[in-house]
N, C-alpha and C. Protein backbone atom coordinates (compact mmCIF):
# COMPACT_ATOMS: atom_id res chain seq x y z
N MET A 1 3.07 9.06 9.45
CA MET A 1 2.55 7.72 9.44
C MET A 1 3.33 6.93 10.48
N PHE A 2 2.60 6.17 11.28
CA PHE A 2 3.23 5.33 12.30
C PHE A 2 3.46 3.92 11.77
N SER A 3 4.44 3.24 12.33
CA SER A 3 4.67 1.83 12.01
C SER A 3 3.53 1.01 12.62
N TYR A 4 3.44 -0.25 12.22
CA TYR A 4 2.37 -1.12 12.70
C TYR A 4 2.37 -1.25 14.21
N ASP A 5 3.54 -1.31 14.82
CA ASP A 5 3.60 -1.46 16.28
C ASP A 5 3.55 -0.12 17.02
N GLY A 6 3.51 1.00 16.30
CA GLY A 6 3.39 2.32 16.90
C GLY A 6 4.67 2.85 17.52
N LYS A 7 5.80 2.21 17.25
CA LYS A 7 7.06 2.62 17.87
C LYS A 7 7.88 3.57 17.01
N GLN A 8 7.55 3.68 15.73
CA GLN A 8 8.30 4.57 14.84
C GLN A 8 7.35 5.46 14.05
N LEU A 9 7.85 6.64 13.74
CA LEU A 9 7.10 7.62 12.98
C LEU A 9 7.91 7.98 11.74
N VAL A 10 7.25 8.07 10.61
CA VAL A 10 7.93 8.47 9.38
C VAL A 10 7.12 9.58 8.72
N PHE A 11 7.83 10.60 8.23
CA PHE A 11 7.16 11.67 7.50
C PHE A 11 8.10 12.21 6.44
N ALA A 12 7.54 12.87 5.46
CA ALA A 12 8.33 13.38 4.34
C ALA A 12 8.07 14.88 4.17
N SER A 13 9.07 15.57 3.64
CA SER A 13 8.95 17.00 3.41
C SER A 13 9.73 17.38 2.16
N ASN A 14 9.16 18.26 1.37
CA ASN A 14 9.91 18.81 0.23
C ASN A 14 10.08 20.32 0.40
N ARG A 15 10.02 20.78 1.63
CA ARG A 15 10.24 22.19 1.93
C ARG A 15 11.72 22.53 1.73
N ASN A 16 11.97 23.69 1.17
CA ASN A 16 13.33 24.19 0.91
C ASN A 16 14.13 23.26 -0.01
N ASN A 17 13.45 22.57 -0.92
CA ASN A 17 14.19 21.69 -1.83
C ASN A 17 14.96 22.50 -2.85
N LYS A 18 16.12 22.00 -3.23
CA LYS A 18 16.97 22.71 -4.18
C LYS A 18 16.73 22.24 -5.61
N ILE A 19 16.27 20.99 -5.75
CA ILE A 19 16.02 20.40 -7.05
C ILE A 19 14.55 19.98 -7.10
N ARG A 20 13.90 20.22 -8.21
CA ARG A 20 12.50 19.83 -8.36
C ARG A 20 12.37 18.32 -8.14
N GLY A 21 11.43 17.93 -7.30
CA GLY A 21 11.20 16.52 -7.01
C GLY A 21 11.99 15.99 -5.83
N GLU A 22 12.87 16.81 -5.25
CA GLU A 22 13.65 16.38 -4.10
C GLU A 22 12.76 16.32 -2.86
N THR A 23 12.82 15.21 -2.15
CA THR A 23 12.02 15.01 -0.94
C THR A 23 12.89 14.43 0.16
N ASN A 24 12.75 14.97 1.36
CA ASN A 24 13.45 14.44 2.53
C ASN A 24 12.50 13.52 3.28
N VAL A 25 13.00 12.36 3.68
CA VAL A 25 12.21 11.39 4.44
C VAL A 25 12.83 11.27 5.82
N PHE A 26 12.01 11.43 6.85
CA PHE A 26 12.47 11.38 8.23
C PHE A 26 11.86 10.18 8.93
N ILE A 27 12.68 9.45 9.69
CA ILE A 27 12.21 8.31 10.48
C ILE A 27 12.66 8.55 11.91
N ALA A 28 11.73 8.42 12.85
CA ALA A 28 12.05 8.68 14.25
C ALA A 28 11.42 7.61 15.14
N ASP A 29 12.09 7.33 16.25
CA ASP A 29 11.51 6.45 17.26
C ASP A 29 10.53 7.27 18.08
N TRP A 30 9.34 6.74 18.28
CA TRP A 30 8.31 7.42 19.04
C TRP A 30 8.39 6.94 20.48
N VAL A 31 8.82 7.83 21.37
CA VAL A 31 8.98 7.49 22.79
C VAL A 31 7.89 8.22 23.56
N TRP A 32 7.01 7.45 24.16
CA TRP A 32 5.89 8.05 24.87
C TRP A 32 5.67 7.37 26.18
């Protein structure tokens, strides 16, 4: 999902989680 201004990207993953319900959230600056 992109921010309103399109400059940041956020996504979530629960791949390789050790505890049920654990989710990693990633936020990145989108440079294009």
